[in-house]
Amino acid sequence: MLAEFSVLPADQEHMSEDVAAAIAVLRESGLRYRVGPMSTSVEGDLEEDLAVVARCHRAVADRGNSRVITNITLDEHRGAWQSLDEALRHVEEQLIASSNR
């Protein structure tokens, strides 16, 4: 399962230190993840994904932020495992195919 999430400290103008705290949690988890400019994707089963997102949320909240908003999108493809790399590869294949038309 893939999960995409963002953790937003609502009382901060600059978030890089808070993002770094969340990334530290991801590194410790051992799960595969990919950081984007506005969100992060993680690859695991449902329980792993939800648990690590909750820990990231808590890590940002525990940095003294009085309000933290976390958004999560889950992509569950039952009967088939799709990794972060596979998801990107499928899009890239479609881009190549459409440019060859």
PDB file of N, CA and C in Angstrom:
ATOM      1  N   MET A   1       0.842  -1.164   0.000  1.00  0.00           N
ATOM      2  CA  MET A   1       0.000   0.000   0.000  1.00  0.00           C
ATOM      3  C   MET A   1       0.892   1.232   0.000  1.00  0.00           C
ATOM      4  N   LEU A   2       0.439   2.238  -0.719  1.00  0.00           N
ATOM      5  CA  LEU A   2       1.129   3.518  -0.720  1.00  0.00           C
ATOM      6  C   LEU A   2       0.306   4.530   0.055  1.00  0.00           C
ATOM      7  N   ALA A   3       0.989   5.371   0.780  1.00  0.00           N
ATOM      8  CA  ALA A   3       0.337   6.472   1.480  1.00  0.00           C
ATOM      9  C   ALA A   3       1.088   7.744   1.136  1.00  0.00           C
ATOM     10  N   GLU A   4       0.339   8.782   0.846  1.00  0.00           N
ATOM     11  CA  GLU A   4       0.924  10.098   0.636  1.00  0.00           C
ATOM     12  C   GLU A   4       0.394  10.978   1.752  1.00  0.00           C
ATOM     13  N   PHE A   5       1.280  11.751   2.367  1.00  0.00           N
ATOM     14  CA  PHE A   5       0.806  12.574   3.478  1.00  0.00           C
ATOM     15  C   PHE A   5       1.598  13.862   3.573  1.00  0.00           C
ATOM     16  N   SER A   6       0.997  14.812   4.245  1.00  0.00           N
ATOM     17  CA  SER A   6       1.674  16.060   4.578  1.00  0.00           C
ATOM     18  C   SER A   6       1.300  16.416   6.003  1.00  0.00           C
ATOM     19  N   VAL A   7       2.274  16.920   6.735  1.00  0.00           N
ATOM     20  CA  VAL A   7       2.079  17.360   8.111  1.00  0.00           C
ATOM     21  C   VAL A   7       2.378  18.850   8.129  1.00  0.00           C
ATOM     22  N   LEU A   8       1.379  19.629   8.492  1.00  0.00           N
ATOM     23  CA  LEU A   8       1.504  21.079   8.401  1.00  0.00           C
ATOM     24  C   LEU A   8       1.360  21.731   9.770  1.00  0.00           C
ATOM     25  N   PRO A   9       2.417  22.341  10.272  1.00  0.00           N
ATOM     26  CA  PRO A   9       2.292  23.116  11.497  1.00  0.00           C
ATOM     27  C   PRO A   9       1.618  24.444  11.151  1.00  0.00           C
ATOM     28  N   ALA A  10       0.408  24.635  11.605  1.00  0.00           N
ATOM     29  CA  ALA A  10      -0.391  25.784  11.195  1.00  0.00           C
ATOM     30  C   ALA A  10       0.108  27.107  11.768  1.00  0.00           C
ATOM     31  N   ASP A  11       0.976  27.056  12.759  1.00  0.00           N
ATOM     32  CA  ASP A  11       1.443  28.299  13.374  1.00  0.00           C
ATOM     33  C   ASP A  11       2.881  28.646  12.995  1.00  0.00           C
ATOM     34  N   GLN A  12       3.382  28.048  11.910  1.00  0.00           N
ATOM     35  CA  GLN A  12       4.749  28.310  11.476  1.00  0.00           C
ATOM     36  C   GLN A  12       4.753  28.846  10.052  1.00  0.00           C
ATOM     37  N   GLU A  13       5.587  29.840   9.805  1.00  0.00           N
ATOM     38  CA  GLU A  13       5.738  30.345   8.447  1.00  0.00           C
ATOM     39  C   GLU A  13       6.729  29.481   7.663  1.00  0.00           C
ATOM     40  N   HIS A  14       7.801  29.067   8.338  1.00  0.00           N
ATOM     41  CA  HIS A  14       8.818  28.230   7.712  1.00  0.00           C
ATOM     42  C   HIS A  14       8.777  26.856   8.375  1.00  0.00           C
ATOM     43  N   MET A  15       8.735  25.815   7.561  1.00  0.00           N
ATOM     44  CA  MET A  15       8.491  24.475   8.082  1.00  0.00           C
ATOM     45  C   MET A  15       9.655  23.518   7.937  1.00  0.00           C
ATOM     46  N   SER A  16      10.797  23.952   7.451  1.00  0.00           N
ATOM     47  CA  SER A  16      11.876  23.015   7.133  1.00  0.00           C
ATOM     48  C   SER A  16      12.346  22.224   8.356  1.00  0.00           C
ATOM     49  N   GLU A  17      12.416  22.836   9.516  1.00  0.00           N
ATOM     50  CA  GLU A  17      12.847  22.100  10.710  1.00  0.00           C
ATOM     51  C   GLU A  17      11.800  21.070  11.123  1.00  0.00           C
ATOM     52  N   ASP A  18      10.532  21.414  10.966  1.00  0.00           N
ATOM     53  CA  ASP A  18       9.465  20.458  11.276  1.00  0.00           C
ATOM     54  C   ASP A  18       9.460  19.303  10.284  1.00  0.00           C
ATOM     55  N   VAL A  19       9.679  19.607   9.014  1.00  0.00           N
ATOM     56  CA  VAL A  19       9.762  18.553   7.993  1.00  0.00           C
ATOM     57  C   VAL A  19      10.933  17.629   8.309  1.00  0.00           C
ATOM     58  N   ALA A  20      12.061  18.200   8.702  1.00  0.00           N
ATOM     59  CA  ALA A  20      13.229  17.387   9.044  1.00  0.00           C
ATOM     60  C   ALA A  20      12.925  16.457  10.217  1.00  0.00           C
ATOM     61  N   ALA A  21      12.143  16.913  11.185  1.00  0.00           N
ATOM     62  CA  ALA A  21      11.769  16.060  12.321  1.00  0.00           C
ATOM     63  C   ALA A  21      10.917  14.883  11.848  1.00  0.00           C
ATOM     64  N   ALA A  22      10.006  15.135  10.913  1.00  0.00           N
ATOM     65  CA  ALA A  22       9.169  14.063  10.371  1.00  0.00           C
ATOM     66  C   ALA A  22      10.002  13.087   9.542  1.00  0.00           C
ATOM     67  N   ILE A  23      10.952  13.594   8.780  1.00  0.00           N
ATOM     68  CA  ILE A  23      11.815  12.729   7.967  1.00  0.00           C
ATOM     69  C   ILE A  23      12.658  11.843   8.871  1.00  0.00           C
ATOM     70  N   ALA A  24      13.093  12.354   9.990  1.00  0.00           N
ATOM     71  CA  ALA A  24      13.859  11.529  10.941  1.00  0.00           C
ATOM     72  C   ALA A  24      13.031  10.340  11.407  1.00  0.00           C
ATOM     73  N   VAL A  25      11.742  10.562  11.632  1.00  0.00           N
ATOM     74  CA  VAL A  25      10.844   9.474  12.025  1.00  0.00           C
ATOM     75  C   VAL A  25      10.755   8.443  10.901  1.00  0.00           C
ATOM     76  N   LEU A  26      10.625   8.908   9.665  1.00  0.00           N
ATOM     77  CA  LEU A  26      10.561   7.990   8.523  1.00  0.00           C
ATOM     78  C   LEU A  26      11.836   7.173   8.399  1.00  0.00           C
ATOM     79  N   ARG A  27      12.973   7.804   8.554  1.00  0.00           N
ATOM     80  CA  ARG A  27      14.248   7.080   8.469  1.00  0.00           C
ATOM     81  C   ARG A  27      14.317   5.974   9.515  1.00  0.00           C
ATOM     82  N   GLU A  28      13.905   6.293  10.725  1.00  0.00           N
ATOM     83  CA  GLU A  28      13.930   5.312  11.812  1.00  0.00           C
ATOM     84  C   GLU A  28      12.967   4.152  11.569  1.00  0.00           C
ATOM     85  N   SER A  29      11.907   4.398  10.796  1.00  0.00           N
ATOM     86  CA  SER A  29      10.883   3.370  10.579  1.00  0.00           C
ATOM     87  C   SER A  29      11.390   2.218   9.715  1.00  0.00           C
ATOM     88  N   GLY A  30      12.348   2.488   8.843  1.00  0.00           N
ATOM     89  CA  GLY A  30      12.827   1.464   7.914  1.00  0.00           C
ATOM     90  C   GLY A  30      11.946   1.305   6.687  1.00  0.00           C
ATOM     91  N   LEU A  31      10.843   2.032   6.611  1.00  0.00           N
ATOM     92  CA  LEU A  31       9.964   1.954   5.439  1.00  0.00           C
ATOM     93  C   LEU A  31      10.560   2.770   4.297  1.00  0.00           C
ATOM     94  N   ARG A  32      10.237   2.343   3.075  1.00  0.00           N
ATOM     95  CA  ARG A  32      10.660   3.114   1.904  1.00  0.00           C
ATOM     96  C   ARG A  32       9.786   4.357   1.823  1.00  0.00           C
ATOM     97  N   TYR A  33      10.399   5.482   1.522  1.00  0.00           N
ATOM     98  CA  TYR A  33       9.645   6.726   1.414  1.00  0.00           C
ATOM     99  C   TYR A  33      10.291   7.622   0.367  1.00  0.00           C
ATOM    100  N   ARG A  34       9.538   8.589  -0.070  1.00  0.00           N
ATOM    101  CA  ARG A  34      10.035   9.570  -1.033  1.00  0.00           C
ATOM    102  C   ARG A  34       9.462  10.929  -0.636  1.00  0.00           C
ATOM    103  N   VAL A  35      10.347  11.891  -0.452  1.00  0.00           N
ATOM    104  CA  VAL A  35       9.950  13.240  -0.075  1.00  0.00           C
ATOM    105  C   VAL A  35       9.740  14.064  -1.334  1.00  0.00           C
ATOM    106  N   GLY A  36       8.620  14.767  -1.397  1.00  0.00           N
ATOM    107  CA  GLY A  36       8.333  15.689  -2.486  1.00  0.00           C
ATOM    108  C   GLY A  36       8.300  17.110  -1.955  1.00  0.00           C
ATOM    109  N   PRO A  37       8.082  18.080  -2.817  1.00  0.00           N
ATOM    110  CA  PRO A  37       8.105  19.468  -2.376  1.00  0.00           C
ATOM    111  C   PRO A  37       6.931  19.851  -1.471  1.00  0.00           C
ATOM    112  N   MET A  38       5.816  19.096  -1.554  1.00  0.00           N
ATOM    113  CA  MET A  38       4.649  19.452  -0.752  1.00  0.00           C
ATOM    114  C   MET A  38       4.055  18.281   0.021  1.00  0.00           C
ATOM    115  N   SER A  39       4.586  17.087  -0.199  1.00  0.00           N
ATOM    116  CA  SER A  39       4.081  15.915   0.514  1.00  0.00           C
ATOM    117  C   SER A  39       5.150  14.828   0.476  1.00  0.00           C
ATOM    118  N   THR A  40       4.888  13.773   1.222  1.00  0.00           N
ATOM    119  CA  THR A  40       5.795  12.631   1.293  1.00  0.00           C
ATOM    120  C   THR A  40       5.000  11.369   1.039  1.00  0.00           C
ATOM    121  N   SER A  41       5.593  10.415   0.323  1.00  0.00           N
ATOM    122  CA  SER A  41       4.965   9.126   0.075  1.00  0.00           C
ATOM    123  C   SER A  41       5.727   8.057   0.837  1.00  0.00           C
ATOM    124  N   VAL A  42       5.000   7.075   1.331  1.00  0.00           N
ATOM    125  CA  VAL A  42       5.604   5.980   2.085  1.00  0.00           C
ATOM    126  C   VAL A  42       4.985   4.675   1.619  1.00  0.00           C
ATOM    127  N   GLU A  43       5.762   3.609   1.678  1.00  0.00           N
ATOM    128  CA  GLU A  43       5.349   2.301   1.175  1.00  0.00           C
ATOM    129  C   GLU A  43       5.383   1.294   2.315  1.00  0.00           C
ATOM    130  N   GLY A  44       4.233   0.691   2.622  1.00  0.00           N
ATOM    131  CA  GLY A  44       4.143  -0.320   3.664  1.00  0.00           C
ATOM    132  C   GLY A  44       2.749  -0.906   3.675  1.00  0.00           C
ATOM    133  N   ASP A  45       2.418  -1.679   4.693  1.00  0.00           N
ATOM    134  CA  ASP A  45       1.033  -2.131   4.782  1.00  0.00           C
ATOM    135  C   ASP A  45       0.227  -1.053   5.518  1.00  0.00           C
ATOM    136  N   LEU A  46      -1.064  -1.227   5.597  1.00  0.00           N
ATOM    137  CA  LEU A  46      -1.945  -0.200   6.159  1.00  0.00           C
ATOM    138  C   LEU A  46      -1.515   0.205   7.565  1.00  0.00           C
ATOM    139  N   GLU A  47      -1.280  -0.773   8.408  1.00  0.00           N
ATOM    140  CA  GLU A  47      -0.935  -0.477   9.799  1.00  0.00           C
ATOM    141  C   GLU A  47       0.397   0.255   9.896  1.00  0.00           C
ATOM    142  N   GLU A  48       1.382  -0.162   9.096  1.00  0.00           N
ATOM    143  CA  GLU A  48       2.691   0.505   9.108  1.00  0.00           C
ATOM    144  C   GLU A  48       2.571   1.946   8.642  1.00  0.00           C
ATOM    145  N   ASP A  49       1.843   2.134   7.538  1.00  0.00           N
ATOM    146  CA  ASP A  49       1.697   3.483   6.984  1.00  0.00           C
ATOM    147  C   ASP A  49       1.006   4.406   7.980  1.00  0.00           C
ATOM    148  N   LEU A  50      -0.111   3.952   8.538  1.00  0.00           N
ATOM    149  CA  LEU A  50      -0.840   4.799   9.481  1.00  0.00           C
ATOM    150  C   LEU A  50      -0.017   5.083  10.736  1.00  0.00           C
ATOM    151  N   ALA A  51       0.707   4.083  11.207  1.00  0.00           N
ATOM    152  CA  ALA A  51       1.515   4.265  12.417  1.00  0.00           C
ATOM    153  C   ALA A  51       2.638   5.271  12.187  1.00  0.00           C
ATOM    154  N   VAL A  52       3.315   5.193  11.040  1.00  0.00           N
ATOM    155  CA  VAL A  52       4.420   6.116  10.810  1.00  0.00           C
ATOM    156  C   VAL A  52       3.901   7.533  10.564  1.00  0.00           C
ATOM    157  N   VAL A  53       2.764   7.667   9.909  1.00  0.00           N
ATOM    158  CA  VAL A  53       2.178   8.998   9.718  1.00  0.00           C
ATOM    159  C   VAL A  53       1.803   9.588  11.079  1.00  0.00           C
ATOM    160  N   ALA A  54       1.229   8.775  11.954  1.00  0.00           N
ATOM    161  CA  ALA A  54       0.883   9.253  13.293  1.00  0.00           C
ATOM    162  C   ALA A  54       2.134   9.694  14.061  1.00  0.00           C
ATOM    163  N   ARG A  55       3.224   8.943  13.920  1.00  0.00           N
ATOM    164  CA  ARG A  55       4.471   9.317  14.601  1.00  0.00           C
ATOM    165  C   ARG A  55       5.054  10.606  14.017  1.00  0.00           C
ATOM    166  N   CYS A  56       4.940  10.783  12.708  1.00  0.00           N
ATOM    167  CA  CYS A  56       5.393  12.033  12.083  1.00  0.00           C
ATOM    168  C   CYS A  56       4.568  13.215  12.582  1.00  0.00           C
ATOM    169  N   HIS A  57       3.260  13.014  12.655  1.00  0.00           N
ATOM    170  CA  HIS A  57       2.361  14.056  13.169  1.00  0.00           C
ATOM    171  C   HIS A  57       2.775  14.440  14.588  1.00  0.00           C
ATOM    172  N   ARG A  58       2.981  13.440  15.415  1.00  0.00           N
ATOM    173  CA  ARG A  58       3.351  13.684  16.812  1.00  0.00           C
ATOM    174  C   ARG A  58       4.706  14.377  16.909  1.00  0.00           C
ATOM    175  N   ALA A  59       5.664  13.987  16.064  1.00  0.00           N
ATOM    176  CA  ALA A  59       6.990  14.608  16.090  1.00  0.00           C
ATOM    177  C   ALA A  59       6.902  16.105  15.791  1.00  0.00           C
ATOM    178  N   VAL A  60       6.050  16.472  14.840  1.00  0.00           N
ATOM    179  CA  VAL A  60       5.886  17.888  14.510  1.00  0.00           C
ATOM    180  C   VAL A  60       5.143  18.608  15.639  1.00  0.00           C
ATOM    181  N   ALA A  61       4.107  17.993  16.164  1.00  0.00           N
ATOM    182  CA  ALA A  61       3.355  18.608  17.271  1.00  0.00           C
ATOM    183  C   ALA A  61       4.247  18.800  18.495  1.00  0.00           C
ATOM    184  N   ASP A  62       5.105  17.833  18.765  1.00  0.00           N
ATOM    185  CA  ASP A  62       5.965  17.891  19.948  1.00  0.00           C
ATOM    186  C   ASP A  62       7.080  18.930  19.836  1.00  0.00           C
ATOM    187  N   ARG A  63       7.218  19.549  18.680  1.00  0.00           N
ATOM    188  CA  ARG A  63       8.211  20.610  18.520  1.00  0.00           C
ATOM    189  C   ARG A  63       7.680  21.955  18.996  1.00  0.00           C
ATOM    190  N   GLY A  64       6.553  21.940  19.702  1.00  0.00           N
ATOM    191  CA  GLY A  64       6.000  23.172  20.250  1.00  0.00           C
ATOM    192  C   GLY A  64       4.947  23.823  19.382  1.00  0.00           C
ATOM    193  N   ASN A  65       4.518  23.131  18.342  1.00  0.00           N
ATOM    194  CA  ASN A  65       3.462  23.682  17.490  1.00  0.00           C
ATOM    195  C   ASN A  65       2.114  23.508  18.169  1.00  0.00           C
ATOM    196  N   SER A  66       1.354  24.580  18.230  1.00  0.00           N
ATOM    197  CA  SER A  66       0.066  24.514  18.918  1.00  0.00           C
ATOM    198  C   SER A  66      -1.035  23.921  18.050  1.00  0.00           C
ATOM    199  N   ARG A  67      -0.820  23.903  16.735  1.00  0.00           N
ATOM    200  CA  ARG A  67      -1.813  23.319  15.829  1.00  0.00           C
ATOM    201  C   ARG A  67      -1.097  22.647  14.668  1.00  0.00           C
ATOM    202  N   VAL A  68      -1.422  21.374  14.439  1.00  0.00           N
ATOM    203  CA  VAL A  68      -0.803  20.600  13.368  1.00  0.00           C
ATOM    204  C   VAL A  68      -1.908  19.927  12.567  1.00  0.00           C
ATOM    205  N   ILE A  69      -1.851  20.081  11.257  1.00  0.00           N
ATOM    206  CA  ILE A  69      -2.843  19.487  10.362  1.00  0.00           C
ATOM    207  C   ILE A  69      -2.136  18.445   9.499  1.00  0.00           C
ATOM    208  N   THR A  70      -2.659  17.223   9.498  1.00  0.00           N
ATOM    209  CA  THR A  70      -2.086  16.141   8.702  1.00  0.00           C
ATOM    210  C   THR A  70      -3.115  15.651   7.698  1.00  0.00           C
ATOM    211  N   ASN A  71      -2.703  15.594   6.445  1.00  0.00           N
ATOM    212  CA  ASN A  71      -3.537  15.068   5.360  1.00  0.00           C
ATOM    213  C   ASN A  71      -2.933  13.758   4.895  1.00  0.00           C
ATOM    214  N   ILE A  72      -3.798  12.748   4.673  1.00  0.00           N
ATOM    215  CA  ILE A  72      -3.336  11.430   4.241  1.00  0.00           C
ATOM    216  C   ILE A  72      -4.189  10.958   3.059  1.00  0.00           C
ATOM    217  N   THR A  73      -3.514  10.418   2.045  1.00  0.00           N
ATOM    218  CA  THR A  73      -4.187   9.727   0.953  1.00  0.00           C
ATOM    219  C   THR A  73      -3.622   8.315   0.917  1.00  0.00           C
ATOM    220  N   LEU A  74      -4.496   7.323   0.940  1.00  0.00           N
ATOM    221  CA  LEU A  74      -4.087   5.923   0.900  1.00  0.00           C
ATOM    222  C   LEU A  74      -4.439   5.324  -0.449  1.00  0.00           C
ATOM    223  N   ASP A  75      -3.524   4.545  -0.991  1.00  0.00           N
ATOM    224  CA  ASP A  75      -3.747   3.851  -2.260  1.00  0.00           C
ATOM    225  C   ASP A  75      -3.569   2.358  -2.006  1.00  0.00           C
ATOM    226  N   GLU A  76      -4.680   1.670  -1.892  1.00  0.00           N
ATOM    227  CA  GLU A  76      -4.651   0.223  -1.653  1.00  0.00           C
ATOM    228  C   GLU A  76      -5.118  -0.495  -2.910  1.00  0.00           C
ATOM    229  N   HIS A  77      -4.229  -1.249  -3.512  1.00  0.00           N
ATOM    230  CA  HIS A  77      -4.551  -2.044  -4.697  1.00  0.00           C
ATOM    231  C   HIS A  77      -4.580  -3.500  -4.252  1.00  0.00           C
ATOM    232  N   ARG A  78      -5.750  -3.965  -3.919  1.00  0.00           N
ATOM    233  CA  ARG A  78      -5.872  -5.317  -3.378  1.00  0.00           C
ATOM    234  C   ARG A  78      -5.479  -6.358  -4.411  1.00  0.00           C
ATOM    235  N   GLY A  79      -4.721  -7.329  -3.966  1.00  0.00           N
ATOM    236  CA  GLY A  79      -4.289  -8.404  -4.841  1.00  0.00           C
ATOM    237  C   GLY A  79      -3.026  -8.089  -5.619  1.00  0.00           C
ATOM    238  N   ALA A  80      -2.523  -6.866  -5.472  1.00  0.00           N
ATOM    239  CA  ALA A  80      -1.297  -6.502  -6.180  1.00  0.00           C
ATOM    240  C   ALA A  80      -0.517  -5.514  -5.329  1.00  0.00           C
ATOM    241  N   TRP A  81       0.774  -5.750  -5.218  1.00  0.00           N
ATOM    242  CA  TRP A  81       1.637  -4.824  -4.479  1.00  0.00           C
ATOM    243  C   TRP A  81       2.211  -3.837  -5.477  1.00  0.00           C
ATOM    244  N   GLN A  82       2.113  -2.565  -5.176  1.00  0.00           N
ATOM    245  CA  GLN A  82       2.716  -1.555  -6.036  1.00  0.00           C
ATOM    246  C   GLN A  82       3.675  -0.731  -5.186  1.00  0.00           C
ATOM    247  N   SER A  83       4.916  -0.704  -5.605  1.00  0.00           N
ATOM    248  CA  SER A  83       5.922   0.059  -4.881  1.00  0.00           C
ATOM    249  C   SER A  83       5.930   1.501  -5.374  1.00  0.00           C
ATOM    250  N   LEU A  84       6.624   2.357  -4.646  1.00  0.00           N
ATOM    251  CA  LEU A  84       6.802   3.744  -5.080  1.00  0.00           C
ATOM    252  C   LEU A  84       7.460   3.790  -6.454  1.00  0.00           C
ATOM    253  N   ASP A  85       8.492   2.979  -6.641  1.00  0.00           N
ATOM    254  CA  ASP A  85       9.195   2.967  -7.918  1.00  0.00           C
ATOM    255  C   ASP A  85       8.289   2.509  -9.057  1.00  0.00           C
ATOM    256  N   GLU A  86       7.484   1.483  -8.800  1.00  0.00           N
ATOM    257  CA  GLU A  86       6.570   0.984  -9.836  1.00  0.00           C
ATOM    258  C   GLU A  86       5.530   2.036 -10.206  1.00  0.00           C
ATOM    259  N   ALA A  87       5.001   2.721  -9.224  1.00  0.00           N
ATOM    260  CA  ALA A  87       3.996   3.745  -9.494  1.00  0.00           C
ATOM    261  C   ALA A  87       4.574   4.827 -10.410  1.00  0.00           C
ATOM    262  N   LEU A  88       5.784   5.262 -10.123  1.00  0.00           N
ATOM    263  CA  LEU A  88       6.430   6.272 -10.966  1.00  0.00           C
ATOM    264  C   LEU A  88       6.767   5.721 -12.344  1.00  0.00           C
ATOM    265  N   ARG A  89       7.225   4.472 -12.393  1.00  0.00           N
ATOM    266  CA  ARG A  89       7.568   3.871 -13.678  1.00  0.00           C
ATOM    267  C   ARG A  89       6.343   3.794 -14.592  1.00  0.00           C
ATOM    268  N   HIS A  90       5.180   3.450 -14.042  1.00  0.00           N
ATOM    269  CA  HIS A  90       3.958   3.374 -14.859  1.00  0.00           C
ATOM    270  C   HIS A  90       3.620   4.735 -15.469  1.00  0.00           C
ATOM    271  N   VAL A  91       3.772   5.780 -14.707  1.00  0.00           N
ATOM    272  CA  VAL A  91       3.503   7.126 -15.231  1.00  0.00           C
ATOM    273  C   VAL A  91       4.510   7.480 -16.318  1.00  0.00           C
ATOM    274  N   GLU A  92       5.772   7.194 -16.070  1.00  0.00           N
ATOM    275  CA  GLU A  92       6.804   7.484 -17.059  1.00  0.00           C
ATOM    276  C   GLU A  92       6.557   6.720 -18.354  1.00  0.00           C
ATOM    277  N   GLU A  93       6.118   5.452 -18.250  1.00  0.00           N
ATOM    278  CA  GLU A  93       5.805   4.679 -19.445  1.00  0.00           C
ATOM    279  C   GLU A  93       4.671   5.318 -20.241  1.00  0.00           C
ATOM    280  N   GLN A  94       3.675   5.832 -19.537  1.00  0.00           N
ATOM    281  CA  GLN A  94       2.560   6.506 -20.223  1.00  0.00           C
ATOM    282  C   GLN A  94       3.034   7.790 -20.901  1.00  0.00           C
ATOM    283  N   LEU A  95       3.931   8.521 -20.267  1.00  0.00           N
ATOM    284  CA  LEU A  95       4.456   9.740 -20.866  1.00  0.00           C
ATOM    285  C   LEU A  95       5.241   9.417 -22.144  1.00  0.00           C
ATOM    286  N   ILE A  96       6.034   8.371 -22.101  1.00  0.00           N
ATOM    287  CA  ILE A  96       6.803   7.958 -23.293  1.00  0.00           C
ATOM    288  C   ILE A  96       5.849   7.521 -24.397  1.00  0.00           C
ATOM    289  N   ALA A  97       4.848   6.737 -24.044  1.00  0.00           N
ATOM    290  CA  ALA A  97       3.885   6.253 -25.037  1.00  0.00           C
ATOM    291  C   ALA A  97       3.135   7.408 -25.681  1.00  0.00           C
ATOM    292  N   SER A  98       2.731   8.380 -24.877  1.00  0.00           N
ATOM    293  CA  SER A  98       1.962   9.501 -25.450  1.00  0.00           C
ATOM    294  C   SER A  98       2.836  10.419 -26.303  1.00  0.00           C
ATOM    295  N   SER A  99       4.135  10.489 -25.996  1.00  0.00           N
ATOM    296  CA  SER A  99       5.015  11.318 -26.824  1.00  0.00           C
ATOM    297  C   SER A  99       5.357  10.654 -28.150  1.00  0.00           C
ATOM    298  N   ASN A 100       5.164   9.330 -28.233  1.00  0.00           N
ATOM    299  CA  ASN A 100       5.444   8.588 -29.467  1.00  0.00           C
ATOM    300  C   ASN A 100       4.232   8.532 -30.402  1.00  0.00           C
ATOM    301  N   ARG A 101       3.140   9.102 -29.992  1.00  0.00           N
ATOM    302  CA  ARG A 101       1.933   9.052 -30.841  1.00  0.00           C
ATOM    303  C   ARG A 101       1.926  10.121 -31.875  1.00  0.00           C
TER     304      ARG A 101
END
